[in-house]
Amino acid sequence: MLIGEVARRSGVSTRMLRHYESLGLVRPSGRTVGNYREYEADDIRRIFHVESLRTLGLSLRQVARALQDPGFEPAALVGDLIRRTEDRLRREQELLERLRAVDASAPGGWQGVLRIVELLHGLTSPSAARRQQAVLAPAEDAPIPTEVLARAVLAESDPNVAGALRWALARAGGDGVAGLAPGVRSPDAGVRRRAVMALAELPGDDATAALAGALGDPDPAVRGPAALALGARGVTAAVPALIGMIVDGTNDVEAAEVLGTLASEPESTDVADQIMRALTDEIAGADVAARIRLTQALAELPADRAQVVLRQLEHDADRVVALVASALLGALSR
C-alpha cells in the first residue's frame, strides 16, 4: 500500500508518516520499482499503535521507547501522565472560573477586566491580610461576583478572612445560596461547616432549605450551627439536634436559648409541648452531667411548663440535679 492510500485510510497525513519514518518509528517495509514507499500490514498496525499511544499524551520519543524496548514498564509513565493531565485540568478549571468571574462582573472595558483580575489574585493570595483586604476594599466599579465570594467562603480557613467573606456575601445580593449549597454535601467536613456558617447569614427559604440538609450531618461542628440557625428561623425540625447539643455539651447554652425562643413564640403550644417532652425524656436516661445541662435548659422554657418538671426534679436521686432544679424554681418564682 502506497503512502497516499495509507494516509487516506489511517487519517495520518503523508507529512506525519514521513516524520515517523525519519524518527525510526514506522519505516515502510519496501519500495516499489519507482522507489515509492510501500507499507505492509505490519507497518500499518504499527502506525495505529503509534497513534493510540499518542492519544494518551505520550511524546513521540516516549512512543518510540515504548515500542522499541521489550522491557519497558508503562506504570510509571502512565502515572506521570495522569498527574500531568490532572494538573493541566486544574489549571484549565481555574482559568474557566476566572473567565466566568470576569464575565459575571460585566466590566465596561478592559480597565474593569484588569481590576477584577487583580481582585481575583488578591483573593488567592497566600497572605490572609491581603485576602481580607481584597474582600473589604474592592474597587467600586469591580464588585466581587457572588459566585466568586461563595467559592472563596468554602475554601477559606482563616477565621478573620472567612468572616469578611461571609459579610461580603450577605451584602452582595446575588444568589449566594446556589454557590454555597454544594458545600453542604462536600466530603470535607471543614467545607461543610463553612457552607453552613455562611448560609446561616443569608435570608430566604432557599438558605433555610440548604441548612435543613445539614441537620443529619455526622459532624457536630456542621450539624450544630445548622440547628442553631434553623431554630432561630422557627424551624421545629431542628429541635432534636438542639437537644442533642445540650446532651453533648456542645454550645448547650445557645441551644437552650434557641429552644426557649421556639417554645415562646405565639401559637407555639404544640412546639413547647414537643420540646418539654423531649427534654424530660432525655433527663430520664442521660448521665449526670447531661442531666444537669438539660435541667438548666428548662429555665429557658415558658415558666409555667418548666416549673412542673423542676418540682419533680427537686426530689431527684442525684443531689446536684435536685439542687439545680431547686435553685431554678426559686429564680422562676421571683
Protein backbone atom coordinates (compact mmCIF):
# COMPACT_ATOMS: atom_id res chain seq x y z
CA MET A 1 0.00 0.00 0.00
CA LEU A 2 1.46 3.34 -1.05
CA ILE A 3 1.82 6.27 1.30
CA GLY A 4 -1.12 8.24 -0.12
CA GLU A 5 -3.54 5.37 0.38
CA VAL A 6 -2.17 4.70 3.88
CA ALA A 7 -2.76 8.36 4.73
CA ARG A 8 -6.35 8.21 3.46
CA ARG A 9 -7.17 5.03 5.34
CA SER A 10 -5.38 5.82 8.61
CA GLY A 11 -6.13 9.53 8.87
CA VAL A 12 -2.42 10.24 9.40
CA SER A 13 -1.08 12.78 6.93
CA THR A 14 1.67 11.89 4.49
CA ARG A 15 3.83 14.55 6.11
CA MET A 16 3.43 12.91 9.54
CA LEU A 17 4.14 9.47 8.06
CA ARG A 18 7.39 10.78 6.64
CA HIS A 19 8.17 12.31 10.04
CA TYR A 20 7.54 8.95 11.71
CA GLU A 21 9.96 7.39 9.23
CA SER A 22 12.64 9.99 9.93
CA LEU A 23 12.37 9.23 13.64
CA GLY A 24 12.53 5.49 13.06
CA LEU A 25 9.02 4.98 14.43
CA VAL A 26 7.41 3.48 11.33
CA ARG A 27 9.55 2.52 8.33
CA PRO A 28 7.81 1.18 5.25
CA SER A 29 8.86 -2.41 4.63
CA GLY A 30 9.50 -1.98 0.94
CA ARG A 31 9.83 0.23 -2.08
CA THR A 32 8.21 -0.03 -5.47
CA VAL A 33 10.12 -0.19 -8.73
CA GLY A 34 9.72 3.56 -8.91
CA ASN A 35 11.15 3.87 -5.35
CA TYR A 36 7.83 4.80 -3.77
CA ARG A 37 7.25 3.82 -0.14
CA GLU A 38 5.24 0.64 0.20
CA TYR A 39 3.63 -0.24 3.52
CA GLU A 40 2.83 -3.81 4.58
CA ALA A 41 0.13 -4.90 7.07
CA ASP A 42 2.61 -4.89 9.97
CA ASP A 43 3.64 -1.33 9.12
CA ILE A 44 0.03 -0.17 9.19
CA ARG A 45 -0.56 -1.91 12.51
CA ARG A 46 2.48 -0.08 13.91
CA ILE A 47 1.07 3.24 12.67
CA PHE A 48 -2.10 2.58 14.64
CA HIS A 49 -0.02 1.61 17.69
CA VAL A 50 1.82 4.93 17.47
CA GLU A 51 -1.40 6.88 17.12
CA SER A 52 -3.01 5.02 20.04
CA LEU A 53 -0.11 5.85 22.36
CA ARG A 54 -0.14 9.48 21.24
CA THR A 55 -3.80 9.76 22.28
CA LEU A 56 -2.63 9.03 25.85
CA GLY A 57 -0.42 12.10 25.75
CA LEU A 58 2.91 10.39 25.11
CA SER A 59 5.54 12.30 23.21
CA LEU A 60 6.97 10.72 20.07
CA ARG A 61 10.17 9.97 21.97
CA GLN A 62 8.17 8.15 24.65
CA VAL A 63 6.21 6.30 21.96
CA ALA A 64 9.47 5.14 20.37
CA ARG A 65 10.77 3.91 23.71
CA ALA A 66 7.54 2.08 24.46
CA LEU A 67 7.53 0.29 21.09
CA GLN A 68 11.23 -0.48 20.84
CA ASP A 69 12.11 -1.54 24.41
CA PRO A 70 10.72 -5.03 25.22
CA GLY A 71 11.38 -4.44 28.92
CA PHE A 72 9.61 -1.08 29.03
CA GLU A 73 7.33 -0.76 32.11
CA PRO A 74 4.36 1.53 31.43
CA ALA A 75 3.15 2.00 35.02
CA ALA A 76 5.50 4.86 35.98
CA LEU A 77 4.97 6.68 32.70
CA VAL A 78 1.19 6.32 32.83
CA GLY A 79 1.20 7.55 36.44
CA ASP A 80 3.21 10.60 35.40
CA LEU A 81 0.79 11.26 32.53
CA ILE A 82 -2.14 11.07 34.95
CA ARG A 83 -0.53 13.62 37.26
CA ARG A 84 0.31 15.96 34.40
CA THR A 85 -3.20 15.68 32.99
CA GLU A 86 -4.76 16.36 36.38
CA ASP A 87 -2.54 19.40 36.78
CA ARG A 88 -3.49 20.66 33.34
CA LEU A 89 -7.19 20.15 34.05
CA ARG A 90 -6.83 22.01 37.33
CA ARG A 91 -5.21 24.96 35.55
CA GLU A 92 -7.90 24.89 32.87
CA GLN A 93 -10.62 24.84 35.53
CA GLU A 94 -9.03 27.79 37.30
CA LEU A 95 -8.90 29.66 34.00
CA LEU A 96 -12.55 28.84 33.31
CA GLU A 97 -13.60 30.07 36.75
CA ARG A 98 -11.57 33.26 36.29
CA LEU A 99 -13.20 33.92 32.94
CA ARG A 100 -16.65 33.31 34.38
CA ALA A 101 -15.90 35.69 37.23
CA VAL A 102 -14.83 38.39 34.79
CA ASP A 103 -17.96 37.78 32.71
CA ALA A 104 -20.22 37.90 35.80
CA SER A 105 -18.77 41.26 36.85
CA ALA A 106 -19.92 42.71 33.49
CA PRO A 107 -16.88 45.00 33.07
CA GLY A 108 -17.42 48.09 31.00
CA GLY A 109 -13.99 47.96 29.43
CA TRP A 110 -10.53 46.48 29.73
CA GLN A 111 -9.80 48.56 32.82
CA GLY A 112 -12.72 46.81 34.50
CA VAL A 113 -11.36 43.44 33.41
CA LEU A 114 -7.94 44.29 34.84
CA ARG A 115 -9.48 45.35 38.15
CA ILE A 116 -11.49 42.14 38.55
CA VAL A 117 -8.39 40.08 37.68
CA GLU A 118 -6.42 41.98 40.31
CA LEU A 119 -9.20 41.30 42.79
CA LEU A 120 -9.15 37.58 42.00
CA HIS A 121 -5.40 37.50 42.55
CA GLY A 122 -5.95 39.16 45.92
CA LEU A 123 -8.47 36.51 46.94
CA THR A 124 -5.98 33.74 46.17
CA SER A 125 -3.03 35.43 47.88
CA PRO A 126 -1.09 33.30 50.40
CA SER A 127 -1.35 36.26 52.79
CA ALA A 128 -4.52 36.24 54.92
CA ALA A 129 -4.23 40.01 55.39
CA ARG A 130 -4.10 40.51 51.63
CA ARG A 131 -7.14 38.28 51.10
CA GLN A 132 -9.08 40.17 53.75
CA GLN A 133 -8.13 43.50 52.19
CA ALA A 134 -9.34 42.27 48.79
CA VAL A 135 -12.72 41.40 50.31
CA LEU A 136 -13.23 44.54 52.36
CA ALA A 137 -11.92 47.10 49.88
CA PRO A 138 -12.86 46.08 46.33
CA ALA A 139 -12.94 48.72 43.61
CA GLU A 140 -16.36 50.38 43.36
CA ASP A 141 -16.64 49.57 39.67
CA ALA A 142 -15.42 45.98 40.15
CA PRO A 143 -17.73 44.34 42.70
CA ILE A 144 -16.91 40.78 43.66
CA PRO A 145 -19.26 38.40 41.81
CA THR A 146 -21.43 36.33 44.14
CA GLU A 147 -20.16 33.01 42.82
CA VAL A 148 -16.57 34.10 43.45
CA LEU A 149 -17.43 35.03 47.02
CA ALA A 150 -19.23 31.73 47.61
CA ARG A 151 -16.30 29.74 46.25
CA ALA A 152 -13.88 31.72 48.42
CA VAL A 153 -16.06 31.18 51.51
CA LEU A 154 -15.94 27.42 51.05
CA ALA A 155 -12.15 27.44 50.64
CA GLU A 156 -11.18 29.96 53.35
CA SER A 157 -9.71 28.55 56.58
CA ASP A 158 -8.62 31.80 58.24
CA PRO A 159 -11.44 32.87 60.61
CA ASN A 160 -10.96 36.61 60.05
CA VAL A 161 -10.96 36.33 56.28
CA ALA A 162 -13.88 33.89 56.43
CA GLY A 163 -15.89 36.38 58.47
CA ALA A 164 -15.16 39.14 55.97
CA LEU A 165 -16.19 36.86 53.09
CA ARG A 166 -19.49 35.94 54.78
CA TRP A 167 -20.17 39.62 55.40
CA ALA A 168 -19.46 40.49 51.78
CA LEU A 169 -21.58 37.59 50.52
CA ALA A 170 -24.54 38.61 52.68
CA ARG A 171 -24.31 42.14 51.24
CA ALA A 172 -23.78 41.05 47.64
CA GLY A 173 -27.47 40.47 46.99
CA GLY A 174 -26.97 37.76 44.39
CA ASP A 175 -27.81 34.10 44.62
CA GLY A 176 -25.19 33.16 47.18
CA VAL A 177 -27.16 30.08 48.19
CA ALA A 178 -26.55 28.45 44.80
CA GLY A 179 -22.80 28.73 45.30
CA LEU A 180 -22.87 27.53 48.91
CA ALA A 181 -25.36 24.67 48.71
CA PRO A 182 -22.92 22.20 47.09
CA GLY A 183 -20.61 22.79 50.04
CA VAL A 184 -23.19 21.24 52.38
CA ARG A 185 -22.69 17.96 50.51
CA SER A 186 -18.88 18.12 50.38
CA PRO A 187 -16.94 15.09 51.68
CA ASP A 188 -14.75 17.60 53.58
CA ALA A 189 -16.27 18.43 56.98
CA GLY A 190 -14.44 21.77 57.02
CA VAL A 191 -16.08 22.81 53.76
CA ARG A 192 -19.50 21.71 55.07
CA ARG A 193 -19.01 23.74 58.24
CA ARG A 194 -18.01 26.86 56.29
CA ALA A 195 -21.01 26.42 53.99
CA VAL A 196 -23.41 26.18 56.94
CA MET A 197 -21.93 29.20 58.70
CA ALA A 198 -22.32 31.29 55.54
CA LEU A 199 -25.84 30.04 54.80
CA ALA A 200 -26.85 30.98 58.34
CA GLU A 201 -26.21 34.62 57.46
CA LEU A 202 -28.28 34.55 54.28
CA PRO A 203 -32.03 35.18 54.35
CA GLY A 204 -34.72 33.34 52.44
CA ASP A 205 -36.32 29.95 52.01
CA ASP A 206 -33.53 28.65 49.79
CA ALA A 207 -30.96 29.21 52.52
CA THR A 208 -33.26 27.57 55.05
CA ALA A 209 -33.73 24.53 52.81
CA ALA A 210 -29.97 24.21 52.31
CA LEU A 211 -29.39 24.41 56.07
CA ALA A 212 -32.01 21.73 56.65
CA GLY A 213 -29.86 19.38 54.59
CA ALA A 214 -27.14 19.66 57.24
CA LEU A 215 -29.29 18.60 60.20
CA GLY A 216 -28.33 14.98 59.70
CA ASP A 217 -24.63 15.67 59.24
CA PRO A 218 -22.43 13.24 61.21
CA ASP A 219 -20.08 16.04 62.30
CA PRO A 220 -21.40 18.06 65.28
CA ALA A 221 -19.40 21.09 64.09
CA VAL A 222 -21.63 21.09 60.99
CA ARG A 223 -24.89 19.85 62.47
CA GLY A 224 -24.81 22.20 65.46
CA PRO A 225 -24.54 25.55 63.63
CA ALA A 226 -27.22 24.38 61.18
CA ALA A 227 -29.57 23.53 64.05
CA LEU A 228 -28.96 26.87 65.77
CA ALA A 229 -29.62 28.79 62.56
CA LEU A 230 -32.75 26.80 61.72
CA GLY A 231 -34.10 27.05 65.25
CA ALA A 232 -33.62 30.82 65.14
CA ARG A 233 -35.71 30.80 61.95
CA GLY A 234 -38.51 28.92 63.69
CA VAL A 235 -37.86 25.54 62.06
CA THR A 236 -39.03 22.91 64.55
CA ALA A 237 -37.20 20.13 62.73
CA ALA A 238 -34.08 21.44 64.48
CA VAL A 239 -35.40 20.53 67.95
CA PRO A 240 -33.84 17.02 68.19
CA ALA A 241 -30.44 18.33 67.09
CA LEU A 242 -30.66 21.23 69.56
CA ILE A 243 -31.45 18.87 72.42
CA GLY A 244 -28.60 16.64 71.27
CA MET A 245 -26.26 19.63 71.59
CA ILE A 246 -27.34 20.11 75.20
CA VAL A 247 -26.79 16.42 75.95
CA ASP A 248 -23.34 16.53 74.34
CA GLY A 249 -22.41 19.85 75.96
CA THR A 250 -21.72 21.45 72.58
CA ASN A 251 -22.89 25.08 72.55
CA ASP A 252 -25.52 23.91 75.01
CA VAL A 253 -26.29 27.41 76.31
CA GLU A 254 -27.01 28.72 72.81
CA ALA A 255 -29.06 25.62 72.00
CA ALA A 256 -31.16 26.08 75.16
CA GLU A 257 -31.78 29.74 74.30
CA VAL A 258 -32.97 28.82 70.80
CA LEU A 259 -35.28 26.15 72.24
CA GLY A 260 -36.68 28.75 74.60
CA THR A 261 -37.34 31.11 71.71
CA LEU A 262 -39.08 28.35 69.74
CA ALA A 263 -41.24 27.42 72.72
CA SER A 264 -42.17 31.04 73.49
CA GLU A 265 -43.37 32.02 70.03
CA PRO A 266 -47.07 32.96 69.78
CA GLU A 267 -49.24 29.97 68.92
CA SER A 268 -46.36 27.61 69.76
CA THR A 269 -48.21 25.43 72.27
CA ASP A 270 -47.56 22.23 70.34
CA VAL A 271 -43.89 23.11 69.86
CA ALA A 272 -43.49 23.88 73.56
CA ASP A 273 -45.07 20.53 74.43
CA GLN A 274 -42.75 18.76 71.97
CA ILE A 275 -39.67 20.41 73.44
CA MET A 276 -40.76 19.73 77.02
CA ARG A 277 -41.40 16.05 76.31
CA ALA A 278 -38.07 15.66 74.54
CA LEU A 279 -36.16 17.33 77.39
CA THR A 280 -37.95 15.24 80.01
CA ASP A 281 -37.24 12.01 78.14
CA GLU A 282 -33.56 12.89 77.83
CA ILE A 283 -33.28 13.81 81.52
CA ALA A 284 -34.59 10.38 82.47
CA GLY A 285 -31.85 8.48 80.66
CA ALA A 286 -28.82 10.79 80.47
CA ASP A 287 -25.66 10.77 82.58
CA VAL A 288 -25.34 13.19 85.49
CA ALA A 289 -23.50 15.97 83.61
CA ALA A 290 -26.03 15.89 80.76
CA ARG A 291 -28.95 15.83 83.20
CA ILE A 292 -27.64 18.99 84.84
CA ARG A 293 -27.38 20.76 81.47
CA LEU A 294 -30.87 19.58 80.48
CA THR A 295 -32.27 20.76 83.81
CA GLN A 296 -30.67 24.16 83.30
CA ALA A 297 -32.18 24.32 79.82
CA LEU A 298 -35.66 24.09 81.35
CA ALA A 299 -35.19 27.61 82.68
CA GLU A 300 -35.33 28.93 79.10
CA LEU A 301 -38.82 27.48 78.52
CA PRO A 302 -42.13 29.13 79.49
CA ALA A 303 -42.14 29.27 83.29
CA ASP A 304 -45.47 27.51 83.85
CA ARG A 305 -44.28 24.44 81.94
CA ALA A 306 -40.75 24.42 83.31
CA GLN A 307 -41.90 24.65 86.93
CA VAL A 308 -43.88 21.41 86.69
CA VAL A 309 -40.82 19.41 85.72
CA LEU A 310 -38.48 21.29 88.04
CA ARG A 311 -40.68 20.47 91.05
CA GLN A 312 -40.29 16.80 90.18
CA LEU A 313 -36.55 17.16 89.81
CA GLU A 314 -36.30 18.78 93.26
CA HIS A 315 -36.65 15.26 94.61
CA ASP A 316 -34.21 13.68 92.15
CA ALA A 317 -31.96 10.94 93.49
CA ASP A 318 -28.92 12.87 92.34
CA ARG A 319 -28.30 15.68 94.82
CA VAL A 320 -26.69 18.04 92.31
CA VAL A 321 -29.63 17.74 89.89
CA ALA A 322 -32.04 18.32 92.77
CA LEU A 323 -30.15 21.42 93.92
CA VAL A 324 -30.04 22.86 90.40
CA ALA A 325 -33.78 22.29 90.00
CA SER A 326 -34.49 23.91 93.35
CA ALA A 327 -32.39 26.95 92.51
CA LEU A 328 -34.09 27.37 89.14
CA LEU A 329 -37.52 27.08 90.73
CA GLY A 330 -36.60 29.87 93.11
CA ALA A 331 -35.42 32.05 90.27
CA LEU A 332 -38.57 31.42 88.20
CA SER A 333 -40.84 32.15 91.17
CA ARG A 334 -39.50 35.66 91.72
